[in-house]
Amino acid sequence: MAGYGLYFYPNELHRRPHVDVVSGMSGAVLDVRTGEVLAVNLPPRVLRAVRALLSQYREEALRAFNETLEHRFPGALLPEKEVDHE
């Protein structure tokens, strides 16, 4: 997932817990609770990796989403050594 970032934005028009995955001109939006793909323009292997991360860190992602909406920015969710950079 090298080169991809996962972001929560505080000024979204809707409150459905989701994460934006961004890299250059490609990206996706996934529901944090279910992993449902809401919008996608990513290579399949990256999408699988993001869904696996969300599955493993669902509670942390939900907490980060809610903190972001309250303008309390959580910073990085994972220590750099735990992130798979393949």
N, C-alpha and C. Protein backbone atom coordinates (compact mmCIF):
# COMPACT_ATOMS: atom_id res chain seq x y z
N MET A 1 0.81 -1.19 0.00
CA MET A 1 0.00 0.00 0.00
C MET A 1 0.86 1.26 0.00
N ALA A 2 2.10 1.10 -0.33
CA ALA A 2 2.98 2.26 -0.36
C ALA A 2 2.39 3.33 -1.28
N GLY A 3 2.42 4.56 -0.82
CA GLY A 3 1.91 5.66 -1.62
C GLY A 3 0.44 5.96 -1.44
N TYR A 4 -0.26 5.19 -0.61
CA TYR A 4 -1.68 5.43 -0.36
C TYR A 4 -1.87 5.93 1.06
N GLY A 5 -2.78 6.88 1.22
CA GLY A 5 -3.11 7.39 2.54
C GLY A 5 -4.57 7.14 2.85
N LEU A 6 -4.87 6.91 4.11
CA LEU A 6 -6.25 6.73 4.57
C LEU A 6 -6.60 7.96 5.39
N TYR A 7 -7.69 8.64 5.03
CA TYR A 7 -8.02 9.92 5.64
C TYR A 7 -9.47 9.96 6.11
N PHE A 8 -9.67 10.70 7.19
CA PHE A 8 -11.00 11.03 7.69
C PHE A 8 -11.11 12.55 7.59
N TYR A 9 -12.20 13.05 7.04
CA TYR A 9 -12.36 14.48 6.85
C TYR A 9 -13.48 15.01 7.74
N PRO A 10 -13.24 16.11 8.47
CA PRO A 10 -14.23 16.62 9.42
C PRO A 10 -15.39 17.38 8.79
N ASN A 11 -15.28 17.80 7.55
CA ASN A 11 -16.32 18.64 6.95
C ASN A 11 -17.19 17.89 5.95
N GLU A 12 -17.32 16.59 6.12
CA GLU A 12 -18.15 15.80 5.22
C GLU A 12 -19.62 16.17 5.39
N LEU A 13 -20.38 16.08 4.32
CA LEU A 13 -21.80 16.42 4.38
C LEU A 13 -22.63 15.34 5.07
N HIS A 14 -22.14 14.12 5.07
CA HIS A 14 -22.88 13.03 5.72
C HIS A 14 -22.06 12.51 6.88
N ARG A 15 -22.71 11.78 7.76
CA ARG A 15 -22.04 11.29 8.97
C ARG A 15 -21.81 9.79 8.96
N ARG A 16 -22.01 9.13 7.83
CA ARG A 16 -21.75 7.69 7.75
C ARG A 16 -20.26 7.46 7.98
N PRO A 17 -19.88 6.65 8.95
CA PRO A 17 -18.46 6.42 9.20
C PRO A 17 -17.77 5.82 7.96
N HIS A 18 -16.83 6.55 7.41
CA HIS A 18 -16.15 6.11 6.21
C HIS A 18 -14.72 6.63 6.21
N VAL A 19 -13.91 6.04 5.38
CA VAL A 19 -12.53 6.46 5.21
C VAL A 19 -12.29 6.69 3.72
N ASP A 20 -11.54 7.74 3.43
CA ASP A 20 -11.13 8.04 2.06
C ASP A 20 -9.71 7.51 1.88
N VAL A 21 -9.50 6.73 0.82
CA VAL A 21 -8.19 6.19 0.48
C VAL A 21 -7.72 6.98 -0.74
N VAL A 22 -6.53 7.60 -0.65
CA VAL A 22 -6.10 8.51 -1.70
C VAL A 22 -4.65 8.25 -2.09
N SER A 23 -4.41 8.30 -3.39
CA SER A 23 -3.05 8.30 -3.93
C SER A 23 -3.10 8.90 -5.33
N GLY A 24 -2.56 10.08 -5.47
CA GLY A 24 -2.56 10.72 -6.78
C GLY A 24 -3.96 10.84 -7.35
N MET A 25 -4.18 10.23 -8.51
CA MET A 25 -5.48 10.32 -9.16
C MET A 25 -6.39 9.13 -8.84
N SER A 26 -5.93 8.20 -8.01
CA SER A 26 -6.78 7.06 -7.67
C SER A 26 -7.21 7.15 -6.21
N GLY A 27 -8.31 6.49 -5.90
CA GLY A 27 -8.80 6.51 -4.54
C GLY A 27 -10.06 5.69 -4.38
N ALA A 28 -10.54 5.68 -3.15
CA ALA A 28 -11.76 4.94 -2.83
C ALA A 28 -12.36 5.52 -1.56
N VAL A 29 -13.62 5.20 -1.33
CA VAL A 29 -14.30 5.54 -0.09
C VAL A 29 -14.92 4.24 0.41
N LEU A 30 -14.63 3.88 1.66
CA LEU A 30 -15.15 2.65 2.24
C LEU A 30 -15.87 2.93 3.55
N ASP A 31 -16.95 2.22 3.78
CA ASP A 31 -17.67 2.28 5.05
C ASP A 31 -16.79 1.61 6.10
N VAL A 32 -16.50 2.31 7.20
CA VAL A 32 -15.63 1.78 8.23
C VAL A 32 -16.26 0.58 8.92
N ARG A 33 -17.55 0.62 9.16
CA ARG A 33 -18.22 -0.45 9.91
C ARG A 33 -18.31 -1.75 9.13
N THR A 34 -18.56 -1.68 7.83
CA THR A 34 -18.83 -2.88 7.05
C THR A 34 -17.76 -3.22 6.01
N GLY A 35 -16.92 -2.25 5.66
CA GLY A 35 -15.95 -2.45 4.59
C GLY A 35 -16.56 -2.29 3.21
N GLU A 36 -17.86 -1.93 3.17
CA GLU A 36 -18.55 -1.73 1.89
C GLU A 36 -17.85 -0.63 1.10
N VAL A 37 -17.65 -0.88 -0.18
CA VAL A 37 -17.03 0.09 -1.06
C VAL A 37 -18.11 1.06 -1.53
N LEU A 38 -17.94 2.34 -1.21
CA LEU A 38 -18.91 3.37 -1.60
C LEU A 38 -18.51 4.04 -2.91
N ALA A 39 -17.22 4.09 -3.19
CA ALA A 39 -16.69 4.61 -4.45
C ALA A 39 -15.30 4.02 -4.60
N VAL A 40 -14.93 3.71 -5.84
CA VAL A 40 -13.62 3.08 -6.00
C VAL A 40 -12.97 3.41 -7.33
N ASN A 41 -11.68 3.64 -7.27
CA ASN A 41 -10.81 3.78 -8.42
C ASN A 41 -9.41 3.35 -7.94
N LEU A 42 -9.31 2.09 -7.48
CA LEU A 42 -8.07 1.56 -6.94
C LEU A 42 -7.76 0.21 -7.56
N PRO A 43 -6.49 -0.15 -7.61
CA PRO A 43 -6.14 -1.51 -8.03
C PRO A 43 -6.75 -2.51 -7.03
N PRO A 44 -7.20 -3.65 -7.50
CA PRO A 44 -7.82 -4.64 -6.62
C PRO A 44 -6.96 -5.05 -5.42
N ARG A 45 -5.65 -5.19 -5.60
CA ARG A 45 -4.79 -5.60 -4.49
C ARG A 45 -4.76 -4.54 -3.39
N VAL A 46 -4.80 -3.27 -3.77
CA VAL A 46 -4.80 -2.19 -2.77
C VAL A 46 -6.14 -2.19 -2.05
N LEU A 47 -7.22 -2.36 -2.77
CA LEU A 47 -8.54 -2.40 -2.15
C LEU A 47 -8.62 -3.55 -1.14
N ARG A 48 -8.09 -4.72 -1.51
CA ARG A 48 -8.08 -5.86 -0.57
C ARG A 48 -7.27 -5.52 0.68
N ALA A 49 -6.15 -4.87 0.51
CA ALA A 49 -5.30 -4.51 1.65
C ALA A 49 -5.99 -3.52 2.57
N VAL A 50 -6.68 -2.54 1.99
CA VAL A 50 -7.42 -1.55 2.80
C VAL A 50 -8.54 -2.24 3.57
N ARG A 51 -9.27 -3.11 2.92
CA ARG A 51 -10.36 -3.82 3.60
C ARG A 51 -9.82 -4.69 4.74
N ALA A 52 -8.68 -5.30 4.53
CA ALA A 52 -8.06 -6.12 5.59
C ALA A 52 -7.65 -5.24 6.77
N LEU A 53 -7.07 -4.07 6.49
CA LEU A 53 -6.71 -3.14 7.56
C LEU A 53 -7.94 -2.69 8.34
N LEU A 54 -9.00 -2.34 7.62
CA LEU A 54 -10.23 -1.91 8.31
C LEU A 54 -10.81 -3.03 9.16
N SER A 55 -10.75 -4.24 8.66
CA SER A 55 -11.25 -5.37 9.43
C SER A 55 -10.45 -5.55 10.72
N GLN A 56 -9.15 -5.42 10.62
CA GLN A 56 -8.28 -5.62 11.78
C GLN A 56 -8.36 -4.46 12.77
N TYR A 57 -8.54 -3.25 12.29
CA TYR A 57 -8.49 -2.06 13.14
C TYR A 57 -9.81 -1.29 13.12
N ARG A 58 -10.92 -2.00 13.03
CA ARG A 58 -12.24 -1.37 12.91
C ARG A 58 -12.56 -0.41 14.07
N GLU A 59 -12.33 -0.84 15.30
CA GLU A 59 -12.64 0.02 16.45
C GLU A 59 -11.80 1.29 16.45
N GLU A 60 -10.52 1.16 16.14
CA GLU A 60 -9.65 2.34 16.08
C GLU A 60 -10.10 3.29 14.96
N ALA A 61 -10.50 2.72 13.82
CA ALA A 61 -10.95 3.56 12.70
C ALA A 61 -12.24 4.28 13.05
N LEU A 62 -13.18 3.59 13.70
CA LEU A 62 -14.43 4.25 14.12
C LEU A 62 -14.15 5.36 15.12
N ARG A 63 -13.27 5.10 16.06
CA ARG A 63 -12.92 6.13 17.04
C ARG A 63 -12.28 7.34 16.33
N ALA A 64 -11.37 7.07 15.40
CA ALA A 64 -10.72 8.16 14.67
C ALA A 64 -11.72 8.96 13.85
N PHE A 65 -12.67 8.27 13.21
CA PHE A 65 -13.70 8.96 12.43
C PHE A 65 -14.49 9.91 13.33
N ASN A 66 -14.95 9.40 14.47
CA ASN A 66 -15.76 10.21 15.38
C ASN A 66 -14.96 11.36 15.98
N GLU A 67 -13.71 11.13 16.33
CA GLU A 67 -12.88 12.22 16.84
C GLU A 67 -12.66 13.30 15.79
N THR A 68 -12.49 12.88 14.55
CA THR A 68 -12.30 13.85 13.47
C THR A 68 -13.54 14.72 13.29
N LEU A 69 -14.72 14.12 13.38
CA LEU A 69 -15.95 14.91 13.25
C LEU A 69 -16.07 15.94 14.36
N GLU A 70 -15.48 15.63 15.50
CA GLU A 70 -15.50 16.56 16.65
C GLU A 70 -14.29 17.49 16.63
N HIS A 71 -13.55 17.48 15.53
CA HIS A 71 -12.35 18.31 15.34
C HIS A 71 -11.28 18.02 16.37
N ARG A 72 -11.23 16.78 16.81
CA ARG A 72 -10.13 16.27 17.65
C ARG A 72 -9.40 15.27 16.77
N PHE A 73 -8.33 15.71 16.16
CA PHE A 73 -7.67 14.90 15.14
C PHE A 73 -6.77 13.86 15.79
N PRO A 74 -7.01 12.58 15.48
CA PRO A 74 -6.32 11.49 16.18
C PRO A 74 -4.88 11.25 15.75
N GLY A 75 -4.45 11.82 14.63
CA GLY A 75 -3.10 11.54 14.15
C GLY A 75 -3.05 10.15 13.52
N ALA A 76 -1.87 9.57 13.46
CA ALA A 76 -1.68 8.25 12.85
C ALA A 76 -2.33 7.18 13.72
N LEU A 77 -3.01 6.23 13.09
CA LEU A 77 -3.65 5.14 13.81
C LEU A 77 -2.69 3.99 14.09
N LEU A 78 -1.72 3.78 13.21
CA LEU A 78 -0.81 2.65 13.34
C LEU A 78 0.62 3.14 13.45
N PRO A 79 1.40 2.51 14.32
CA PRO A 79 2.83 2.82 14.30
C PRO A 79 3.40 2.44 12.94
N GLU A 80 4.34 3.20 12.45
CA GLU A 80 4.91 2.98 11.12
C GLU A 80 5.40 1.55 10.94
N LYS A 81 5.93 0.92 11.97
CA LYS A 81 6.47 -0.44 11.83
C LYS A 81 5.38 -1.47 11.56
N GLU A 82 4.11 -1.17 11.89
CA GLU A 82 3.03 -2.13 11.68
C GLU A 82 2.39 -2.02 10.29
N VAL A 83 2.68 -0.99 9.54
CA VAL A 83 2.06 -0.77 8.24
C VAL A 83 2.80 -1.58 7.18
N ASP A 84 2.06 -2.33 6.38
CA ASP A 84 2.62 -3.12 5.30
C ASP A 84 2.90 -2.20 4.12
N HIS A 85 4.14 -2.07 3.71
CA HIS A 85 4.49 -1.17 2.62
C HIS A 85 4.72 -1.88 1.30
N GLU A 86 4.11 -3.03 1.10
CA GLU A 86 4.30 -3.73 -0.18
C GLU A 86 3.52 -3.09 -1.28
